[in-house]
Amino acid sequence: MTYLVIVAFVAILGSLAAALFFMMRGSGPLDAENTEAVSRSKPMAKALAFRVGFSILLFVLVLFAYLMGWIKPTGIPM
């Protein structure tokens, strides 16, 4: 379970880094003649969508593992 969570975090950070790369690459000025700028923003949106999907998947996985008894909360000792 620990390795699965680590892989999910790496996937989340990887897609966030990919979105940053596409954002920093720049899209140039937007006008009616420059349609390439619109097509450059698609990879960034796709990378951010994957990040959201990975985050939701990780949350559901942790919730499922808790319900199945595979992980148990330890809490903070009083």
Protein backbone atom coordinates (compact mmCIF):
# COMPACT_ATOMS: atom_id res chain seq x y z
CA MET A 1 0.00 0.00 0.00
CA THR A 2 2.86 2.37 0.78
CA TYR A 3 4.42 1.85 -2.63
CA LEU A 4 1.10 2.47 -4.35
CA VAL A 5 0.68 5.79 -2.54
CA ILE A 6 4.25 6.78 -3.43
CA VAL A 7 3.64 5.96 -7.10
CA ALA A 8 0.43 8.00 -7.06
CA PHE A 9 2.22 11.00 -5.52
CA VAL A 10 4.97 10.77 -8.14
CA ALA A 11 2.33 10.66 -10.89
CA ILE A 12 0.60 13.72 -9.41
CA LEU A 13 3.86 15.66 -9.18
CA GLY A 14 4.89 14.53 -12.66
CA SER A 15 1.71 15.77 -14.29
CA LEU A 16 1.99 19.03 -12.34
CA ALA A 17 5.55 19.45 -13.63
CA ALA A 18 4.38 18.72 -17.18
CA ALA A 19 1.68 21.39 -16.87
CA LEU A 20 4.31 23.85 -15.61
CA PHE A 21 6.54 23.00 -18.57
CA PHE A 22 3.72 23.60 -21.07
CA MET A 23 2.76 26.84 -19.32
CA MET A 24 6.33 28.16 -19.24
CA ARG A 25 6.89 27.25 -22.87
CA GLY A 26 4.53 30.12 -23.66
CA SER A 27 1.74 30.43 -26.12
CA GLY A 28 2.43 33.81 -27.68
CA PRO A 29 -0.17 36.47 -28.43
CA LEU A 30 -3.71 35.38 -29.12
CA ASP A 31 -5.41 36.71 -32.22
CA ALA A 32 -7.62 35.43 -35.00
CA GLU A 33 -4.65 34.56 -37.23
CA ASN A 34 -2.59 32.77 -34.56
CA THR A 35 -4.39 29.47 -33.94
CA GLU A 36 -1.18 27.76 -32.81
CA ALA A 37 -1.43 29.53 -29.43
CA VAL A 38 -4.75 27.85 -28.73
CA SER A 39 -3.41 24.41 -29.61
CA ARG A 40 -0.43 24.86 -27.26
CA SER A 41 -2.69 25.28 -24.22
CA LYS A 42 -4.30 21.88 -24.77
CA PRO A 43 -1.36 19.85 -23.39
CA MET A 44 -1.31 22.00 -20.25
CA ALA A 45 -5.03 21.48 -19.69
CA LYS A 46 -4.63 17.76 -20.30
CA ALA A 47 -1.77 17.52 -17.78
CA LEU A 48 -3.81 19.37 -15.16
CA ALA A 49 -6.80 17.11 -15.83
CA PHE A 50 -4.57 14.06 -15.27
CA ARG A 51 -3.35 15.61 -12.00
CA VAL A 52 -6.92 16.04 -10.78
CA GLY A 53 -7.73 12.49 -11.85
CA PHE A 54 -4.69 11.07 -10.04
CA SER A 55 -5.57 13.03 -6.89
CA ILE A 56 -9.15 11.74 -6.88
CA LEU A 57 -7.92 8.21 -7.54
CA LEU A 58 -5.48 8.44 -4.61
CA PHE A 59 -8.23 9.70 -2.30
CA VAL A 60 -10.59 6.90 -3.32
CA LEU A 61 -7.79 4.34 -2.93
CA VAL A 62 -6.96 5.50 0.61
CA LEU A 63 -10.66 5.56 1.54
CA PHE A 64 -11.14 2.05 0.15
CA ALA A 65 -8.06 0.76 1.98
CA TYR A 66 -9.38 2.23 5.24
CA LEU A 67 -12.81 0.66 4.76
CA MET A 68 -11.25 -2.73 3.97
CA GLY A 69 -9.09 -2.54 7.10
CA TRP A 70 -5.79 -2.53 5.23
CA ILE A 71 -4.75 0.73 6.90
CA LYS A 72 -5.69 2.01 10.33
CA PRO A 73 -5.56 5.54 11.69
CA THR A 74 -3.09 5.96 14.51
CA GLY A 75 -3.98 9.48 15.55
CA ILE A 76 -1.97 11.79 17.72
CA PRO A 77 -1.37 10.47 21.27
CA MET A 78 -2.94 12.63 23.96
